[in-house]
Amino acid sequence: MSGRTFLWTCWTVLVVALVGGSPLWAADTAGTGSFYGAGLGAGIGAALTLVGAGIGFGRIGAAALESMARQPEVAPQIGQNMLIVAALLEGATFFSLIVCIIMAFKA
């Protein structure tokens, strides 16, 4: 099994486990209106957000450096566009983390 296939399998298993188990985590077993799994779901959501952002930043940087090496004369424009895309990715990451933090404190 190649590394890419293994990673794809791990992500698929994780997604199926999270989607399949979410009704159990959100169950109100005590009848008090509190959700026991909200904190766990928020932690997993924050972790997935940060892992996804790290992969995204790595891919942005790798693609920018490769294109700068191929065409050094356009390096300033590539660097500027890379920073814009990275800022947009960071904004989406912060939004996701704020949602996870709000979920954690609602529990």
N, C-alpha and C. Protein backbone atom coordinates (compact mmCIF):
# COMPACT_ATOMS: atom_id res chain seq x y z
N MET A 1 0.86 -1.17 0.00
CA MET A 1 0.00 0.00 0.00
C MET A 1 0.90 1.24 0.00
N SER A 2 0.64 2.15 -0.91
CA SER A 2 1.46 3.36 -0.99
C SER A 2 1.08 4.31 0.14
N GLY A 3 1.93 5.29 0.37
CA GLY A 3 1.69 6.25 1.43
C GLY A 3 0.43 7.07 1.19
N ARG A 4 0.19 7.42 -0.07
CA ARG A 4 -0.98 8.22 -0.40
C ARG A 4 -2.27 7.42 -0.16
N THR A 5 -2.26 6.15 -0.53
CA THR A 5 -3.43 5.31 -0.30
C THR A 5 -3.68 5.12 1.19
N PHE A 6 -2.62 4.96 1.96
CA PHE A 6 -2.75 4.80 3.40
C PHE A 6 -3.35 6.05 4.03
N LEU A 7 -2.88 7.23 3.62
CA LEU A 7 -3.42 8.48 4.15
C LEU A 7 -4.89 8.64 3.79
N TRP A 8 -5.22 8.32 2.55
CA TRP A 8 -6.61 8.41 2.11
C TRP A 8 -7.51 7.47 2.93
N THR A 9 -7.02 6.29 3.19
CA THR A 9 -7.78 5.33 3.99
C THR A 9 -7.97 5.84 5.42
N CYS A 10 -6.91 6.39 6.00
CA CYS A 10 -7.00 6.92 7.37
C CYS A 10 -8.02 8.06 7.45
N TRP A 11 -7.99 8.98 6.48
CA TRP A 11 -8.94 10.09 6.47
C TRP A 11 -10.37 9.59 6.31
N THR A 12 -10.56 8.61 5.45
CA THR A 12 -11.90 8.06 5.23
C THR A 12 -12.44 7.41 6.50
N VAL A 13 -11.60 6.64 7.17
CA VAL A 13 -12.02 5.99 8.42
C VAL A 13 -12.35 7.04 9.47
N LEU A 14 -11.55 8.10 9.57
CA LEU A 14 -11.80 9.15 10.55
C LEU A 14 -13.13 9.86 10.27
N VAL A 15 -13.37 10.19 9.02
CA VAL A 15 -14.62 10.87 8.66
C VAL A 15 -15.83 9.98 8.95
N VAL A 16 -15.74 8.71 8.58
CA VAL A 16 -16.86 7.80 8.84
C VAL A 16 -17.10 7.66 10.34
N ALA A 17 -16.03 7.57 11.12
CA ALA A 17 -16.18 7.46 12.57
C ALA A 17 -16.81 8.71 13.17
N LEU A 18 -16.40 9.88 12.70
CA LEU A 18 -16.96 11.12 13.23
C LEU A 18 -18.42 11.30 12.83
N VAL A 19 -18.72 11.02 11.59
CA VAL A 19 -20.10 11.18 11.13
C VAL A 19 -21.01 10.13 11.76
N GLY A 20 -20.54 8.91 11.84
CA GLY A 20 -21.35 7.85 12.43
C GLY A 20 -21.56 7.99 13.92
N GLY A 21 -20.60 8.53 14.62
CA GLY A 21 -20.69 8.65 16.07
C GLY A 21 -21.26 9.96 16.56
N SER A 22 -21.50 10.91 15.68
CA SER A 22 -21.97 12.22 16.13
C SER A 22 -23.32 12.19 16.82
N PRO A 23 -24.30 11.36 16.41
CA PRO A 23 -25.54 11.32 17.19
C PRO A 23 -25.33 10.82 18.62
N LEU A 24 -24.39 9.92 18.81
CA LEU A 24 -24.12 9.42 20.16
C LEU A 24 -23.46 10.49 21.01
N TRP A 25 -22.56 11.28 20.43
CA TRP A 25 -21.88 12.32 21.19
C TRP A 25 -22.84 13.43 21.58
N ALA A 26 -23.84 13.67 20.76
CA ALA A 26 -24.77 14.77 21.02
C ALA A 26 -25.97 14.34 21.85
N ALA A 27 -26.00 13.10 22.28
CA ALA A 27 -27.16 12.60 23.03
C ALA A 27 -27.26 13.28 24.39
N ASP A 28 -28.45 13.65 24.74
CA ASP A 28 -28.72 14.26 26.05
C ASP A 28 -29.15 13.16 27.00
N THR A 29 -28.16 12.48 27.59
CA THR A 29 -28.47 11.31 28.42
C THR A 29 -28.94 11.68 29.82
N ALA A 30 -28.54 12.84 30.31
CA ALA A 30 -28.91 13.21 31.67
C ALA A 30 -30.22 13.98 31.72
N GLY A 31 -30.72 14.42 30.58
CA GLY A 31 -31.94 15.20 30.56
C GLY A 31 -31.75 16.61 31.04
N THR A 32 -30.50 17.10 31.11
CA THR A 32 -30.23 18.43 31.62
C THR A 32 -30.04 19.45 30.52
N GLY A 33 -30.05 19.01 29.29
CA GLY A 33 -29.84 19.94 28.19
C GLY A 33 -28.39 20.12 27.83
N SER A 34 -27.48 19.42 28.51
CA SER A 34 -26.07 19.56 28.19
C SER A 34 -25.66 18.45 27.21
N PHE A 35 -24.78 18.78 26.34
CA PHE A 35 -24.31 17.82 25.36
C PHE A 35 -22.89 17.40 25.74
N TYR A 36 -22.71 16.13 26.05
CA TYR A 36 -21.41 15.65 26.51
C TYR A 36 -20.37 15.64 25.41
N GLY A 37 -20.79 15.42 24.20
CA GLY A 37 -19.83 15.28 23.12
C GLY A 37 -19.44 16.57 22.44
N ALA A 38 -20.03 17.69 22.84
CA ALA A 38 -19.72 18.95 22.18
C ALA A 38 -18.26 19.35 22.38
N GLY A 39 -17.74 19.14 23.57
CA GLY A 39 -16.34 19.47 23.82
C GLY A 39 -15.40 18.58 23.03
N LEU A 40 -15.72 17.30 22.96
CA LEU A 40 -14.91 16.38 22.18
C LEU A 40 -14.99 16.72 20.70
N GLY A 41 -16.18 17.01 20.22
CA GLY A 41 -16.34 17.38 18.82
C GLY A 41 -15.61 18.67 18.49
N ALA A 42 -15.63 19.63 19.42
CA ALA A 42 -14.92 20.89 19.20
C ALA A 42 -13.42 20.67 19.16
N GLY A 43 -12.92 19.80 20.03
CA GLY A 43 -11.48 19.51 20.02
C GLY A 43 -11.04 18.83 18.74
N ILE A 44 -11.83 17.86 18.29
CA ILE A 44 -11.50 17.17 17.04
C ILE A 44 -11.61 18.14 15.87
N GLY A 45 -12.64 18.99 15.89
CA GLY A 45 -12.79 19.97 14.82
C GLY A 45 -11.62 20.95 14.77
N ALA A 46 -11.16 21.41 15.93
CA ALA A 46 -10.02 22.32 15.97
C ALA A 46 -8.76 21.62 15.47
N ALA A 47 -8.57 20.37 15.85
CA ALA A 47 -7.40 19.63 15.39
C ALA A 47 -7.42 19.44 13.88
N LEU A 48 -8.57 19.07 13.34
CA LEU A 48 -8.67 18.90 11.89
C LEU A 48 -8.46 20.23 11.16
N THR A 49 -8.95 21.31 11.74
CA THR A 49 -8.75 22.63 11.14
C THR A 49 -7.28 22.97 11.07
N LEU A 50 -6.56 22.75 12.15
CA LEU A 50 -5.14 23.10 12.18
C LEU A 50 -4.31 22.19 11.26
N VAL A 51 -4.67 20.92 11.20
CA VAL A 51 -3.95 20.01 10.29
C VAL A 51 -4.20 20.43 8.85
N GLY A 52 -5.44 20.74 8.52
CA GLY A 52 -5.76 21.18 7.16
C GLY A 52 -5.07 22.48 6.81
N ALA A 53 -5.02 23.41 7.75
CA ALA A 53 -4.32 24.69 7.49
C ALA A 53 -2.83 24.46 7.29
N GLY A 54 -2.24 23.58 8.09
CA GLY A 54 -0.82 23.28 7.92
C GLY A 54 -0.52 22.68 6.56
N ILE A 55 -1.37 21.77 6.13
CA ILE A 55 -1.18 21.17 4.80
C ILE A 55 -1.34 22.24 3.72
N GLY A 56 -2.34 23.10 3.89
CA GLY A 56 -2.58 24.16 2.90
C GLY A 56 -1.42 25.13 2.82
N PHE A 57 -0.91 25.57 3.96
CA PHE A 57 0.24 26.48 3.95
C PHE A 57 1.47 25.83 3.33
N GLY A 58 1.67 24.57 3.62
CA GLY A 58 2.81 23.86 3.04
C GLY A 58 2.71 23.77 1.53
N ARG A 59 1.51 23.49 1.04
CA ARG A 59 1.33 23.39 -0.42
C ARG A 59 1.48 24.76 -1.09
N ILE A 60 0.97 25.82 -0.43
CA ILE A 60 1.13 27.16 -0.99
C ILE A 60 2.61 27.52 -1.09
N GLY A 61 3.34 27.29 -0.01
CA GLY A 61 4.77 27.62 0.00
C GLY A 61 5.56 26.80 -1.01
N ALA A 62 5.27 25.51 -1.10
CA ALA A 62 5.99 24.66 -2.04
C ALA A 62 5.73 25.07 -3.48
N ALA A 63 4.47 25.35 -3.80
CA ALA A 63 4.14 25.76 -5.17
C ALA A 63 4.76 27.11 -5.50
N ALA A 64 4.76 28.03 -4.55
CA ALA A 64 5.35 29.35 -4.81
C ALA A 64 6.86 29.24 -5.02
N LEU A 65 7.53 28.48 -4.18
CA LEU A 65 8.98 28.35 -4.33
C LEU A 65 9.35 27.65 -5.63
N GLU A 66 8.56 26.65 -6.01
CA GLU A 66 8.83 25.95 -7.27
C GLU A 66 8.63 26.88 -8.47
N SER A 67 7.57 27.67 -8.43
CA SER A 67 7.35 28.58 -9.55
C SER A 67 8.37 29.71 -9.57
N MET A 68 8.84 30.16 -8.41
CA MET A 68 9.90 31.17 -8.37
C MET A 68 11.21 30.61 -8.92
N ALA A 69 11.48 29.34 -8.66
CA ALA A 69 12.70 28.73 -9.17
C ALA A 69 12.63 28.57 -10.68
N ARG A 70 11.45 28.32 -11.21
CA ARG A 70 11.31 28.16 -12.66
C ARG A 70 11.34 29.49 -13.40
N GLN A 71 10.75 30.52 -12.81
CA GLN A 71 10.72 31.83 -13.44
C GLN A 71 11.10 32.90 -12.41
N PRO A 72 12.39 33.14 -12.22
CA PRO A 72 12.82 34.10 -11.20
C PRO A 72 12.37 35.54 -11.47
N GLU A 73 12.10 35.87 -12.73
CA GLU A 73 11.73 37.25 -13.05
C GLU A 73 10.34 37.63 -12.53
N VAL A 74 9.49 36.67 -12.25
CA VAL A 74 8.15 36.98 -11.73
C VAL A 74 8.03 36.65 -10.24
N ALA A 75 9.14 36.50 -9.56
CA ALA A 75 9.13 36.15 -8.14
C ALA A 75 8.38 37.16 -7.27
N PRO A 76 8.52 38.48 -7.50
CA PRO A 76 7.76 39.41 -6.64
C PRO A 76 6.24 39.25 -6.75
N GLN A 77 5.73 39.04 -7.97
CA GLN A 77 4.28 38.87 -8.12
C GLN A 77 3.82 37.55 -7.48
N ILE A 78 4.63 36.52 -7.62
CA ILE A 78 4.27 35.23 -7.03
C ILE A 78 4.25 35.33 -5.51
N GLY A 79 5.26 36.00 -4.96
CA GLY A 79 5.30 36.17 -3.51
C GLY A 79 4.12 36.97 -2.98
N GLN A 80 3.74 38.00 -3.71
CA GLN A 80 2.60 38.81 -3.30
C GLN A 80 1.30 38.00 -3.37
N ASN A 81 1.11 37.26 -4.44
CA ASN A 81 -0.09 36.43 -4.56
C ASN A 81 -0.11 35.31 -3.52
N MET A 82 1.07 34.78 -3.19
CA MET A 82 1.15 33.74 -2.17
C MET A 82 0.69 34.29 -0.82
N LEU A 83 1.10 35.51 -0.48
CA LEU A 83 0.69 36.10 0.79
C LEU A 83 -0.81 36.36 0.83
N ILE A 84 -1.40 36.76 -0.29
CA ILE A 84 -2.84 36.99 -0.33
C ILE A 84 -3.60 35.69 -0.09
N VAL A 85 -3.18 34.63 -0.77
CA VAL A 85 -3.85 33.33 -0.60
C VAL A 85 -3.65 32.81 0.83
N ALA A 86 -2.46 32.99 1.37
CA ALA A 86 -2.20 32.55 2.74
C ALA A 86 -3.06 33.33 3.74
N ALA A 87 -3.27 34.61 3.51
CA ALA A 87 -4.13 35.39 4.40
C ALA A 87 -5.58 34.91 4.33
N LEU A 88 -6.05 34.58 3.14
CA LEU A 88 -7.41 34.05 3.01
C LEU A 88 -7.55 32.71 3.73
N LEU A 89 -6.54 31.87 3.60
CA LEU A 89 -6.56 30.57 4.29
C LEU A 89 -6.53 30.76 5.80
N GLU A 90 -5.76 31.71 6.25
CA GLU A 90 -5.69 31.98 7.70
C GLU A 90 -7.02 32.50 8.22
N GLY A 91 -7.70 33.33 7.45
CA GLY A 91 -9.01 33.83 7.86
C GLY A 91 -10.01 32.70 8.01
N ALA A 92 -10.02 31.78 7.06
CA ALA A 92 -10.93 30.63 7.14
C ALA A 92 -10.58 29.75 8.33
N THR A 93 -9.29 29.61 8.61
CA THR A 93 -8.85 28.81 9.75
C THR A 93 -9.31 29.44 11.07
N PHE A 94 -9.15 30.75 11.19
CA PHE A 94 -9.58 31.42 12.41
C PHE A 94 -11.09 31.31 12.60
N PHE A 95 -11.85 31.44 11.51
CA PHE A 95 -13.30 31.31 11.61
C PHE A 95 -13.68 29.92 12.13
N SER A 96 -13.04 28.89 11.59
CA SER A 96 -13.33 27.53 12.02
C SER A 96 -12.95 27.32 13.49
N LEU A 97 -11.82 27.86 13.90
CA LEU A 97 -11.41 27.70 15.30
C LEU A 97 -12.35 28.44 16.24
N ILE A 98 -12.85 29.61 15.84
CA ILE A 98 -13.80 30.34 16.68
C ILE A 98 -15.09 29.54 16.85
N VAL A 99 -15.56 28.92 15.76
CA VAL A 99 -16.75 28.09 15.84
C VAL A 99 -16.51 26.93 16.81
N CYS A 100 -15.34 26.30 16.74
CA CYS A 100 -15.03 25.19 17.64
C CYS A 100 -14.95 25.66 19.09
N ILE A 101 -14.39 26.83 19.33
CA ILE A 101 -14.30 27.36 20.69
C ILE A 101 -15.69 27.66 21.23
N ILE A 102 -16.56 28.24 20.40
CA ILE A 102 -17.92 28.52 20.84
C ILE A 102 -18.65 27.21 21.18
N MET A 103 -18.46 26.19 20.36
CA MET A 103 -19.08 24.89 20.64
C MET A 103 -18.58 24.32 21.96
N ALA A 104 -17.28 24.47 22.23
CA ALA A 104 -16.70 23.90 23.45
C ALA A 104 -17.27 24.58 24.69
N PHE A 105 -17.51 25.89 24.63
CA PHE A 105 -18.02 26.59 25.80
C PHE A 105 -19.53 26.47 25.96
N LYS A 106 -20.23 26.03 24.92
CA LYS A 106 -21.67 25.80 25.05
C LYS A 106 -21.96 24.50 25.79
N ALA A 107 -20.96 23.62 25.83
CA ALA A 107 -21.19 22.29 26.45
C ALA A 107 -21.36 22.41 27.95
